Amino acid sequence: MIIADETTFRAVVESAPKPVLVYFWVTWCGPCRVLGPLLERMEADSGAFTIVKVNADDSPALAAEFGVLAVPTMKLLAGGEVVRTIVGAKPRAALEAELAPALTA
């Protein structure tokens, strides 16, 4: 998992060799604290995507650019374009089911 902010985000995403799951979170969000380690395990297990973690409180312009209205929010980018949006914490199986079509396309 790569931590990015408004100054590093573009370089990190553009240099990623595979799809990027942008994970918008905040420190005070309970579901975010549960989801973070789960996403890290998914990233390590699948190898199909890279996670870029963005604190929405610290990077409000980036959160606004991606239309983040609630946390946690995940945006899967492929080729620099958003191909899937997931809002809210979900169990691993549900996350994998939502991401699979976009990762295998």
PDB file of N, CA and C in Angstrom:
ATOM      1  N   MET A   1       0.852  -1.172   0.000  1.00  0.00           N
ATOM      2  CA  MET A   1       0.000   0.000   0.000  1.00  0.00           C
ATOM      3  C   MET A   1       0.897   1.233   0.000  1.00  0.00           C
ATOM      4  N   ILE A   2       0.598   2.137  -0.917  1.00  0.00           N
ATOM      5  CA  ILE A   2       1.348   3.374  -1.044  1.00  0.00           C
ATOM      6  C   ILE A   2       0.506   4.504  -0.475  1.00  0.00           C
ATOM      7  N   ILE A   3       1.106   5.335   0.342  1.00  0.00           N
ATOM      8  CA  ILE A   3       0.405   6.496   0.894  1.00  0.00           C
ATOM      9  C   ILE A   3       0.712   7.688   0.006  1.00  0.00           C
ATOM     10  N   ALA A   4      -0.335   8.387  -0.424  1.00  0.00           N
ATOM     11  CA  ALA A   4      -0.160   9.531  -1.306  1.00  0.00           C
ATOM     12  C   ALA A   4      -1.003  10.705  -0.815  1.00  0.00           C
ATOM     13  N   ASP A   5      -0.628  11.884  -1.282  1.00  0.00           N
ATOM     14  CA  ASP A   5      -1.400  13.094  -1.001  1.00  0.00           C
ATOM     15  C   ASP A   5      -1.505  13.890  -2.300  1.00  0.00           C
ATOM     16  N   GLU A   6      -1.991  15.120  -2.190  1.00  0.00           N
ATOM     17  CA  GLU A   6      -2.210  15.924  -3.385  1.00  0.00           C
ATOM     18  C   GLU A   6      -0.921  16.192  -4.158  1.00  0.00           C
ATOM     19  N   THR A   7       0.217  16.212  -3.491  1.00  0.00           N
ATOM     20  CA  THR A   7       1.479  16.506  -4.181  1.00  0.00           C
ATOM     21  C   THR A   7       2.111  15.278  -4.819  1.00  0.00           C
ATOM     22  N   THR A   8       1.821  14.087  -4.316  1.00  0.00           N
ATOM     23  CA  THR A   8       2.461  12.874  -4.835  1.00  0.00           C
ATOM     24  C   THR A   8       1.529  11.971  -5.640  1.00  0.00           C
ATOM     25  N   PHE A   9       0.241  12.222  -5.564  1.00  0.00           N
ATOM     26  CA  PHE A   9      -0.751  11.321  -6.140  1.00  0.00           C
ATOM     27  C   PHE A   9      -0.526  11.046  -7.627  1.00  0.00           C
ATOM     28  N   ARG A  10      -0.423  12.080  -8.434  1.00  0.00           N
ATOM     29  CA  ARG A  10      -0.311  11.910  -9.887  1.00  0.00           C
ATOM     30  C   ARG A  10       0.909  11.053 -10.263  1.00  0.00           C
ATOM     31  N   ALA A  11       2.042  11.343  -9.660  1.00  0.00           N
ATOM     32  CA  ALA A  11       3.254  10.592  -9.978  1.00  0.00           C
ATOM     33  C   ALA A  11       3.100   9.122  -9.600  1.00  0.00           C
ATOM     34  N   VAL A  12       2.496   8.863  -8.458  1.00  0.00           N
ATOM     35  CA  VAL A  12       2.314   7.483  -7.994  1.00  0.00           C
ATOM     36  C   VAL A  12       1.376   6.723  -8.930  1.00  0.00           C
ATOM     37  N   VAL A  13       0.256   7.334  -9.283  1.00  0.00           N
ATOM     38  CA  VAL A  13      -0.729   6.656 -10.122  1.00  0.00           C
ATOM     39  C   VAL A  13      -0.192   6.457 -11.535  1.00  0.00           C
ATOM     40  N   GLU A  14       0.457   7.471 -12.084  1.00  0.00           N
ATOM     41  CA  GLU A  14       0.961   7.373 -13.448  1.00  0.00           C
ATOM     42  C   GLU A  14       2.087   6.354 -13.583  1.00  0.00           C
ATOM     43  N   SER A  15       2.827   6.119 -12.512  1.00  0.00           N
ATOM     44  CA  SER A  15       3.935   5.170 -12.593  1.00  0.00           C
ATOM     45  C   SER A  15       3.520   3.737 -12.249  1.00  0.00           C
ATOM     46  N   ALA A  16       2.291   3.538 -11.855  1.00  0.00           N
ATOM     47  CA  ALA A  16       1.834   2.201 -11.469  1.00  0.00           C
ATOM     48  C   ALA A  16       1.715   1.297 -12.698  1.00  0.00           C
ATOM     49  N   PRO A  17       2.324   0.118 -12.659  1.00  0.00           N
ATOM     50  CA  PRO A  17       2.295  -0.783 -13.807  1.00  0.00           C
ATOM     51  C   PRO A  17       0.991  -1.592 -13.930  1.00  0.00           C
ATOM     52  N   LYS A  18       0.146  -1.510 -12.920  1.00  0.00           N
ATOM     53  CA  LYS A  18      -1.113  -2.263 -12.945  1.00  0.00           C
ATOM     54  C   LYS A  18      -2.230  -1.363 -12.440  1.00  0.00           C
ATOM     55  N   PRO A  19      -3.489  -1.823 -12.476  1.00  0.00           N
ATOM     56  CA  PRO A  19      -4.585  -0.988 -11.979  1.00  0.00           C
ATOM     57  C   PRO A  19      -4.316  -0.516 -10.549  1.00  0.00           C
ATOM     58  N   VAL A  20      -4.879   0.652 -10.234  1.00  0.00           N
ATOM     59  CA  VAL A  20      -4.673   1.270  -8.925  1.00  0.00           C
ATOM     60  C   VAL A  20      -6.019   1.382  -8.221  1.00  0.00           C
ATOM     61  N   LEU A  21      -6.063   0.891  -6.984  1.00  0.00           N
ATOM     62  CA  LEU A  21      -7.239   1.062  -6.150  1.00  0.00           C
ATOM     63  C   LEU A  21      -6.940   2.220  -5.201  1.00  0.00           C
ATOM     64  N   VAL A  22      -7.593   3.355  -5.445  1.00  0.00           N
ATOM     65  CA  VAL A  22      -7.392   4.525  -4.592  1.00  0.00           C
ATOM     66  C   VAL A  22      -8.358   4.391  -3.425  1.00  0.00           C
ATOM     67  N   TYR A  23      -7.792   4.363  -2.238  1.00  0.00           N
ATOM     68  CA  TYR A  23      -8.554   4.139  -1.009  1.00  0.00           C
ATOM     69  C   TYR A  23      -8.600   5.444  -0.224  1.00  0.00           C
ATOM     70  N   PHE A  24      -9.754   6.112  -0.244  1.00  0.00           N
ATOM     71  CA  PHE A  24      -9.955   7.350   0.507  1.00  0.00           C
ATOM     72  C   PHE A  24     -10.448   6.998   1.902  1.00  0.00           C
ATOM     73  N   TRP A  25      -9.784   7.520   2.906  1.00  0.00           N
ATOM     74  CA  TRP A  25     -10.078   7.204   4.298  1.00  0.00           C
ATOM     75  C   TRP A  25      -9.816   8.444   5.148  1.00  0.00           C
ATOM     76  N   VAL A  26     -10.157   8.375   6.426  1.00  0.00           N
ATOM     77  CA  VAL A  26      -9.816   9.399   7.424  1.00  0.00           C
ATOM     78  C   VAL A  26      -9.517   8.697   8.746  1.00  0.00           C
ATOM     79  N   THR A  27      -8.740   9.342   9.586  1.00  0.00           N
ATOM     80  CA  THR A  27      -8.298   8.709  10.829  1.00  0.00           C
ATOM     81  C   THR A  27      -9.437   8.437  11.808  1.00  0.00           C
ATOM     82  N   TRP A  28     -10.470   9.257  11.791  1.00  0.00           N
ATOM     83  CA  TRP A  28     -11.550   9.126  12.772  1.00  0.00           C
ATOM     84  C   TRP A  28     -12.636   8.137  12.353  1.00  0.00           C
ATOM     85  N   CYS A  29     -12.464   7.469  11.226  1.00  0.00           N
ATOM     86  CA  CYS A  29     -13.477   6.562  10.668  1.00  0.00           C
ATOM     87  C   CYS A  29     -13.214   5.128  11.112  1.00  0.00           C
ATOM     88  N   GLY A  30     -14.096   4.578  11.923  1.00  0.00           N
ATOM     89  CA  GLY A  30     -13.957   3.202  12.393  1.00  0.00           C
ATOM     90  C   GLY A  30     -13.925   2.177  11.271  1.00  0.00           C
ATOM     91  N   PRO A  31     -14.886   2.217  10.333  1.00  0.00           N
ATOM     92  CA  PRO A  31     -14.836   1.262   9.224  1.00  0.00           C
ATOM     93  C   PRO A  31     -13.552   1.383   8.395  1.00  0.00           C
ATOM     94  N   CYS A  32     -13.004   2.577   8.288  1.00  0.00           N
ATOM     95  CA  CYS A  32     -11.745   2.771   7.547  1.00  0.00           C
ATOM     96  C   CYS A  32     -10.597   2.023   8.225  1.00  0.00           C
ATOM     97  N   ARG A  33     -10.573   2.052   9.553  1.00  0.00           N
ATOM     98  CA  ARG A  33      -9.501   1.368  10.290  1.00  0.00           C
ATOM     99  C   ARG A  33      -9.592  -0.147  10.122  1.00  0.00           C
ATOM    100  N   VAL A  34     -10.782  -0.663   9.937  1.00  0.00           N
ATOM    101  CA  VAL A  34     -10.972  -2.097   9.709  1.00  0.00           C
ATOM    102  C   VAL A  34     -10.633  -2.452   8.257  1.00  0.00           C
ATOM    103  N   LEU A  35     -11.029  -1.598   7.331  1.00  0.00           N
ATOM    104  CA  LEU A  35     -10.860  -1.874   5.906  1.00  0.00           C
ATOM    105  C   LEU A  35      -9.403  -1.819   5.460  1.00  0.00           C
ATOM    106  N   GLY A  36      -8.606  -0.928   6.029  1.00  0.00           N
ATOM    107  CA  GLY A  36      -7.209  -0.772   5.613  1.00  0.00           C
ATOM    108  C   GLY A  36      -6.414  -2.069   5.617  1.00  0.00           C
ATOM    109  N   PRO A  37      -6.353  -2.774   6.741  1.00  0.00           N
ATOM    110  CA  PRO A  37      -5.606  -4.044   6.768  1.00  0.00           C
ATOM    111  C   PRO A  37      -6.186  -5.103   5.825  1.00  0.00           C
ATOM    112  N   LEU A  38      -7.503  -5.118   5.667  1.00  0.00           N
ATOM    113  CA  LEU A  38      -8.132  -6.062   4.746  1.00  0.00           C
ATOM    114  C   LEU A  38      -7.673  -5.794   3.315  1.00  0.00           C
ATOM    115  N   LEU A  39      -7.661  -4.521   2.916  1.00  0.00           N
ATOM    116  CA  LEU A  39      -7.212  -4.173   1.564  1.00  0.00           C
ATOM    117  C   LEU A  39      -5.746  -4.535   1.355  1.00  0.00           C
ATOM    118  N   GLU A  40      -4.932  -4.322   2.375  1.00  0.00           N
ATOM    119  CA  GLU A  40      -3.514  -4.695   2.265  1.00  0.00           C
ATOM    120  C   GLU A  40      -3.357  -6.192   2.021  1.00  0.00           C
ATOM    121  N   ARG A  41      -4.143  -7.010   2.727  1.00  0.00           N
ATOM    122  CA  ARG A  41      -4.076  -8.458   2.520  1.00  0.00           C
ATOM    123  C   ARG A  41      -4.547  -8.827   1.110  1.00  0.00           C
ATOM    124  N   MET A  42      -5.609  -8.167   0.653  1.00  0.00           N
ATOM    125  CA  MET A  42      -6.108  -8.435  -0.699  1.00  0.00           C
ATOM    126  C   MET A  42      -5.063  -8.072  -1.749  1.00  0.00           C
ATOM    127  N   GLU A  43      -4.409  -6.952  -1.567  1.00  0.00           N
ATOM    128  CA  GLU A  43      -3.369  -6.518  -2.503  1.00  0.00           C
ATOM    129  C   GLU A  43      -2.237  -7.538  -2.549  1.00  0.00           C
ATOM    130  N   ALA A  44      -1.793  -7.977  -1.389  1.00  0.00           N
ATOM    131  CA  ALA A  44      -0.697  -8.949  -1.313  1.00  0.00           C
ATOM    132  C   ALA A  44      -1.097 -10.299  -1.904  1.00  0.00           C
ATOM    133  N   ASP A  45      -2.324 -10.728  -1.627  1.00  0.00           N
ATOM    134  CA  ASP A  45      -2.779 -12.032  -2.097  1.00  0.00           C
ATOM    135  C   ASP A  45      -3.022 -12.068  -3.604  1.00  0.00           C
ATOM    136  N   SER A  46      -3.577 -10.996  -4.161  1.00  0.00           N
ATOM    137  CA  SER A  46      -3.959 -11.031  -5.576  1.00  0.00           C
ATOM    138  C   SER A  46      -2.833 -10.590  -6.500  1.00  0.00           C
ATOM    139  N   GLY A  47      -2.130  -9.531  -6.130  1.00  0.00           N
ATOM    140  CA  GLY A  47      -1.096  -8.994  -7.001  1.00  0.00           C
ATOM    141  C   GLY A  47      -1.646  -8.338  -8.252  1.00  0.00           C
ATOM    142  N   ALA A  48      -2.973  -8.242  -8.375  1.00  0.00           N
ATOM    143  CA  ALA A  48      -3.597  -7.701  -9.579  1.00  0.00           C
ATOM    144  C   ALA A  48      -3.722  -6.184  -9.570  1.00  0.00           C
ATOM    145  N   PHE A  49      -3.528  -5.567  -8.418  1.00  0.00           N
ATOM    146  CA  PHE A  49      -3.680  -4.121  -8.319  1.00  0.00           C
ATOM    147  C   PHE A  49      -2.757  -3.567  -7.249  1.00  0.00           C
ATOM    148  N   THR A  50      -2.555  -2.266  -7.314  1.00  0.00           N
ATOM    149  CA  THR A  50      -1.783  -1.539  -6.324  1.00  0.00           C
ATOM    150  C   THR A  50      -2.741  -0.641  -5.562  1.00  0.00           C
ATOM    151  N   ILE A  51      -2.581  -0.552  -4.252  1.00  0.00           N
ATOM    152  CA  ILE A  51      -3.435   0.330  -3.455  1.00  0.00           C
ATOM    153  C   ILE A  51      -2.691   1.625  -3.173  1.00  0.00           C
ATOM    154  N   VAL A  52      -3.387   2.727  -3.421  1.00  0.00           N
ATOM    155  CA  VAL A  52      -2.887   4.054  -3.072  1.00  0.00           C
ATOM    156  C   VAL A  52      -3.846   4.616  -2.037  1.00  0.00           C
ATOM    157  N   LYS A  53      -3.338   4.849  -0.847  1.00  0.00           N
ATOM    158  CA  LYS A  53      -4.138   5.294   0.292  1.00  0.00           C
ATOM    159  C   LYS A  53      -4.065   6.815   0.397  1.00  0.00           C
ATOM    160  N   VAL A  54      -5.235   7.475   0.426  1.00  0.00           N
ATOM    161  CA  VAL A  54      -5.311   8.935   0.481  1.00  0.00           C
ATOM    162  C   VAL A  54      -6.188   9.338   1.659  1.00  0.00           C
ATOM    163  N   ASN A  55      -5.625  10.132   2.559  1.00  0.00           N
ATOM    164  CA  ASN A  55      -6.393  10.666   3.680  1.00  0.00           C
ATOM    165  C   ASN A  55      -7.223  11.833   3.154  1.00  0.00           C
ATOM    166  N   ALA A  56      -8.542  11.675   3.143  1.00  0.00           N
ATOM    167  CA  ALA A  56      -9.439  12.682   2.575  1.00  0.00           C
ATOM    168  C   ALA A  56      -9.412  13.989   3.361  1.00  0.00           C
ATOM    169  N   ASP A  57      -9.131  13.933   4.655  1.00  0.00           N
ATOM    170  CA  ASP A  57      -9.027  15.166   5.445  1.00  0.00           C
ATOM    171  C   ASP A  57      -7.773  15.950   5.080  1.00  0.00           C
ATOM    172  N   ASP A  58      -6.689  15.257   4.798  1.00  0.00           N
ATOM    173  CA  ASP A  58      -5.425  15.906   4.464  1.00  0.00           C
ATOM    174  C   ASP A  58      -5.339  16.316   2.997  1.00  0.00           C
ATOM    175  N   SER A  59      -6.149  15.703   2.146  1.00  0.00           N
ATOM    176  CA  SER A  59      -6.131  15.986   0.703  1.00  0.00           C
ATOM    177  C   SER A  59      -7.547  16.261   0.194  1.00  0.00           C
ATOM    178  N   PRO A  60      -8.175  17.342   0.689  1.00  0.00           N
ATOM    179  CA  PRO A  60      -9.573  17.594   0.322  1.00  0.00           C
ATOM    180  C   PRO A  60      -9.781  17.887  -1.164  1.00  0.00           C
ATOM    181  N   ALA A  61      -8.828  18.513  -1.821  1.00  0.00           N
ATOM    182  CA  ALA A  61      -8.990  18.804  -3.248  1.00  0.00           C
ATOM    183  C   ALA A  61      -9.014  17.508  -4.062  1.00  0.00           C
ATOM    184  N   LEU A  62      -8.188  16.559  -3.675  1.00  0.00           N
ATOM    185  CA  LEU A  62      -8.149  15.271  -4.356  1.00  0.00           C
ATOM    186  C   LEU A  62      -9.450  14.500  -4.111  1.00  0.00           C
ATOM    187  N   ALA A  63      -9.928  14.526  -2.883  1.00  0.00           N
ATOM    188  CA  ALA A  63     -11.201  13.873  -2.572  1.00  0.00           C
ATOM    189  C   ALA A  63     -12.337  14.511  -3.370  1.00  0.00           C
ATOM    190  N   ALA A  64     -12.329  15.830  -3.482  1.00  0.00           N
ATOM    191  CA  ALA A  64     -13.369  16.526  -4.247  1.00  0.00           C
ATOM    192  C   ALA A  64     -13.271  16.187  -5.733  1.00  0.00           C
ATOM    193  N   GLU A  65     -12.062  16.130  -6.248  1.00  0.00           N
ATOM    194  CA  GLU A  65     -11.854  15.798  -7.668  1.00  0.00           C
ATOM    195  C   GLU A  65     -12.453  14.436  -8.014  1.00  0.00           C
ATOM    196  N   PHE A  66     -12.364  13.496  -7.071  1.00  0.00           N
ATOM    197  CA  PHE A  66     -12.886  12.154  -7.306  1.00  0.00           C
ATOM    198  C   PHE A  66     -14.325  11.981  -6.797  1.00  0.00           C
ATOM    199  N   GLY A  67     -14.938  13.069  -6.334  1.00  0.00           N
ATOM    200  CA  GLY A  67     -16.335  13.010  -5.914  1.00  0.00           C
ATOM    201  C   GLY A  67     -16.566  12.193  -4.663  1.00  0.00           C
ATOM    202  N   VAL A  68     -15.598  12.195  -3.768  1.00  0.00           N
ATOM    203  CA  VAL A  68     -15.730  11.417  -2.532  1.00  0.00           C
ATOM    204  C   VAL A  68     -16.627  12.175  -1.560  1.00  0.00           C
ATOM    205  N   LEU A  69     -17.783  11.606  -1.264  1.00  0.00           N
ATOM    206  CA  LEU A  69     -18.742  12.223  -0.354  1.00  0.00           C
ATOM    207  C   LEU A  69     -18.838  11.485   0.971  1.00  0.00           C
ATOM    208  N   ALA A  70     -18.286  10.277   1.019  1.00  0.00           N
ATOM    209  CA  ALA A  70     -18.321   9.469   2.236  1.00  0.00           C
ATOM    210  C   ALA A  70     -17.052   8.628   2.272  1.00  0.00           C
ATOM    211  N   VAL A  71     -16.654   8.268   3.467  1.00  0.00           N
ATOM    212  CA  VAL A  71     -15.497   7.380   3.635  1.00  0.00           C
ATOM    213  C   VAL A  71     -15.935   6.142   4.393  1.00  0.00           C
ATOM    214  N   PRO A  72     -15.340   5.020   4.095  1.00  0.00           N
ATOM    215  CA  PRO A  72     -14.335   4.798   3.068  1.00  0.00           C
ATOM    216  C   PRO A  72     -14.943   4.758   1.671  1.00  0.00           C
ATOM    217  N   THR A  73     -14.175   5.257   0.716  1.00  0.00           N
ATOM    218  CA  THR A  73     -14.523   5.160  -0.701  1.00  0.00           C
ATOM    219  C   THR A  73     -13.300   4.631  -1.431  1.00  0.00           C
ATOM    220  N   MET A  74     -13.536   3.725  -2.353  1.00  0.00           N
ATOM    221  CA  MET A  74     -12.463   3.166  -3.168  1.00  0.00           C
ATOM    222  C   MET A  74     -12.779   3.408  -4.631  1.00  0.00           C
ATOM    223  N   LYS A  75     -11.788   3.855  -5.369  1.00  0.00           N
ATOM    224  CA  LYS A  75     -11.917   4.098  -6.810  1.00  0.00           C
ATOM    225  C   LYS A  75     -10.860   3.259  -7.512  1.00  0.00           C
ATOM    226  N   LEU A  76     -11.289   2.372  -8.366  1.00  0.00           N
ATOM    227  CA  LEU A  76     -10.350   1.549  -9.130  1.00  0.00           C
ATOM    228  C   LEU A  76     -10.064   2.257 -10.446  1.00  0.00           C
ATOM    229  N   LEU A  77      -8.783   2.559 -10.669  1.00  0.00           N
ATOM    230  CA  LEU A  77      -8.357   3.229 -11.883  1.00  0.00           C
ATOM    231  C   LEU A  77      -7.597   2.247 -12.764  1.00  0.00           C
ATOM    232  N   ALA A  78      -7.958   2.221 -14.025  1.00  0.00           N
ATOM    233  CA  ALA A  78      -7.238   1.422 -15.012  1.00  0.00           C
ATOM    234  C   ALA A  78      -6.983   2.346 -16.193  1.00  0.00           C
ATOM    235  N   GLY A  79      -5.735   2.477 -16.570  1.00  0.00           N
ATOM    236  CA  GLY A  79      -5.388   3.396 -17.642  1.00  0.00           C
ATOM    237  C   GLY A  79      -5.692   4.840 -17.288  1.00  0.00           C
ATOM    238  N   GLY A  80      -5.663   5.151 -16.000  1.00  0.00           N
ATOM    239  CA  GLY A  80      -5.913   6.515 -15.546  1.00  0.00           C
ATOM    240  C   GLY A  80      -7.376   6.884 -15.431  1.00  0.00           C
ATOM    241  N   GLU A  81      -8.280   5.966 -15.780  1.00  0.00           N
ATOM    242  CA  GLU A  81      -9.717   6.227 -15.730  1.00  0.00           C
ATOM    243  C   GLU A  81     -10.373   5.413 -14.612  1.00  0.00           C
ATOM    244  N   VAL A  82     -11.367   6.013 -13.951  1.00  0.00           N
ATOM    245  CA  VAL A  82     -12.122   5.296 -12.921  1.00  0.00           C
ATOM    246  C   VAL A  82     -13.013   4.262 -13.604  1.00  0.00           C
ATOM    247  N   VAL A  83     -12.818   2.996 -13.248  1.00  0.00           N
ATOM    248  CA  VAL A  83     -13.622   1.923 -13.828  1.00  0.00           C
ATOM    249  C   VAL A  83     -14.566   1.286 -12.813  1.00  0.00           C
ATOM    250  N   ARG A  84     -14.375   1.590 -11.540  1.00  0.00           N
ATOM    251  CA  ARG A  84     -15.248   1.039 -10.495  1.00  0.00           C
ATOM    252  C   ARG A  84     -15.149   1.918  -9.264  1.00  0.00           C
ATOM    253  N   THR A  85     -16.297   2.156  -8.617  1.00  0.00           N
ATOM    254  CA  THR A  85     -16.347   2.897  -7.361  1.00  0.00           C
ATOM    255  C   THR A  85     -17.052   2.032  -6.336  1.00  0.00           C
ATOM    256  N   ILE A  86     -16.446   1.940  -5.160  1.00  0.00           N
ATOM    257  CA  ILE A  86     -17.048   1.194  -4.052  1.00  0.00           C
ATOM    258  C   ILE A  86     -17.094   2.127  -2.849  1.00  0.00           C
ATOM    259  N   VAL A  87     -18.272   2.282  -2.272  1.00  0.00           N
ATOM    260  CA  VAL A  87     -18.438   3.149  -1.109  1.00  0.00           C
ATOM    261  C   VAL A  87     -18.828   2.287   0.082  1.00  0.00           C
ATOM    262  N   GLY A  88     -18.109   2.481   1.184  1.00  0.00           N
ATOM    263  CA  GLY A  88     -18.414   1.761   2.410  1.00  0.00           C
ATOM    264  C   GLY A  88     -17.561   0.529   2.595  1.00  0.00           C
ATOM    265  N   ALA A  89     -17.442   0.122   3.838  1.00  0.00           N
ATOM    266  CA  ALA A  89     -16.689  -1.081   4.174  1.00  0.00           C
ATOM    267  C   ALA A  89     -17.549  -2.297   3.863  1.00  0.00           C
ATOM    268  N   LYS A  90     -16.917  -3.307   3.283  1.00  0.00           N
ATOM    269  CA  LYS A  90     -17.617  -4.534   2.931  1.00  0.00           C
ATOM    270  C   LYS A  90     -16.717  -5.714   3.277  1.00  0.00           C
ATOM    271  N   PRO A  91     -17.286  -6.893   3.404  1.00  0.00           N
ATOM    272  CA  PRO A  91     -16.460  -8.079   3.630  1.00  0.00           C
ATOM    273  C   PRO A  91     -15.590  -8.359   2.411  1.00  0.00           C
ATOM    274  N   ARG A  92     -14.522  -9.100   2.634  1.00  0.00           N
ATOM    275  CA  ARG A  92     -13.564  -9.397   1.568  1.00  0.00           C
ATOM    276  C   ARG A  92     -14.231 -10.007   0.339  1.00  0.00           C
ATOM    277  N   ALA A  93     -15.098 -10.974   0.541  1.00  0.00           N
ATOM    278  CA  ALA A  93     -15.740 -11.637  -0.595  1.00  0.00           C
ATOM    279  C   ALA A  93     -16.533 -10.651  -1.445  1.00  0.00           C
ATOM    280  N   ALA A  94     -17.213  -9.717  -0.805  1.00  0.00           N
ATOM    281  CA  ALA A  94     -17.988  -8.720  -1.536  1.00  0.00           C
ATOM    282  C   ALA A  94     -17.067  -7.775  -2.309  1.00  0.00           C
ATOM    283  N   LEU A  95     -15.960  -7.369  -1.692  1.00  0.00           N
ATOM    284  CA  LEU A  95     -15.001  -6.500  -2.381  1.00  0.00           C
ATOM    285  C   LEU A  95     -14.393  -7.223  -3.582  1.00  0.00           C
ATOM    286  N   GLU A  96     -13.999  -8.457  -3.404  1.00  0.00           N
ATOM    287  CA  GLU A  96     -13.412  -9.230  -4.496  1.00  0.00           C
ATOM    288  C   GLU A  96     -14.415  -9.383  -5.638  1.00  0.00           C
ATOM    289  N   ALA A  97     -15.689  -9.626  -5.304  1.00  0.00           N
ATOM    290  CA  ALA A  97     -16.711  -9.782  -6.333  1.00  0.00           C
ATOM    291  C   ALA A  97     -16.916  -8.478  -7.113  1.00  0.00           C
ATOM    292  N   GLU A  98     -16.852  -7.345  -6.435  1.00  0.00           N
ATOM    293  CA  GLU A  98     -17.034  -6.064  -7.118  1.00  0.00           C
ATOM    294  C   GLU A  98     -15.818  -5.692  -7.961  1.00  0.00           C
ATOM    295  N   LEU A  99     -14.635  -6.050  -7.514  1.00  0.00           N
ATOM    296  CA  LEU A  99     -13.412  -5.692  -8.249  1.00  0.00           C
ATOM    297  C   LEU A  99     -13.103  -6.637  -9.397  1.00  0.00           C
ATOM    298  N   ALA A 100     -13.484  -7.898  -9.283  1.00  0.00           N
ATOM    299  CA  ALA A 100     -13.098  -8.920 -10.265  1.00  0.00           C
ATOM    300  C   ALA A 100     -13.419  -8.565 -11.710  1.00  0.00           C
ATOM    301  N   PRO A 101     -14.638  -8.118 -12.029  1.00  0.00           N
ATOM    302  CA  PRO A 101     -14.915  -7.818 -13.437  1.00  0.00           C
ATOM    303  C   PRO A 101     -13.991  -6.749 -14.025  1.00  0.00           C
ATOM    304  N   ALA A 102     -13.675  -5.748 -13.256  1.00  0.00           N
ATOM    305  CA  ALA A 102     -12.823  -4.660 -13.739  1.00  0.00           C
ATOM    306  C   ALA A 102     -11.370  -5.102 -13.846  1.00  0.00           C
ATOM    307  N   LEU A 103     -10.941  -6.020 -13.003  1.00  0.00           N
ATOM    308  CA  LEU A 103      -9.549  -6.465 -13.012  1.00  0.00           C
ATOM    309  C   LEU A 103      -9.280  -7.511 -14.087  1.00  0.00           C
ATOM    310  N   THR A 104     -10.316  -8.203 -14.536  1.00  0.00           N
ATOM    311  CA  THR A 104     -10.141  -9.240 -15.548  1.00  0.00           C
ATOM    312  C   THR A 104     -10.531  -8.767 -16.936  1.00  0.00           C
ATOM    313  N   ALA A 105     -11.047  -7.550 -17.023  1.00  0.00           N
ATOM    314  CA  ALA A 105     -11.506  -7.030 -18.334  1.00  0.00           C
ATOM    315  C   ALA A 105     -10.325  -6.666 -19.215  1.00  0.00           C
TER     316      ALA A 105
END
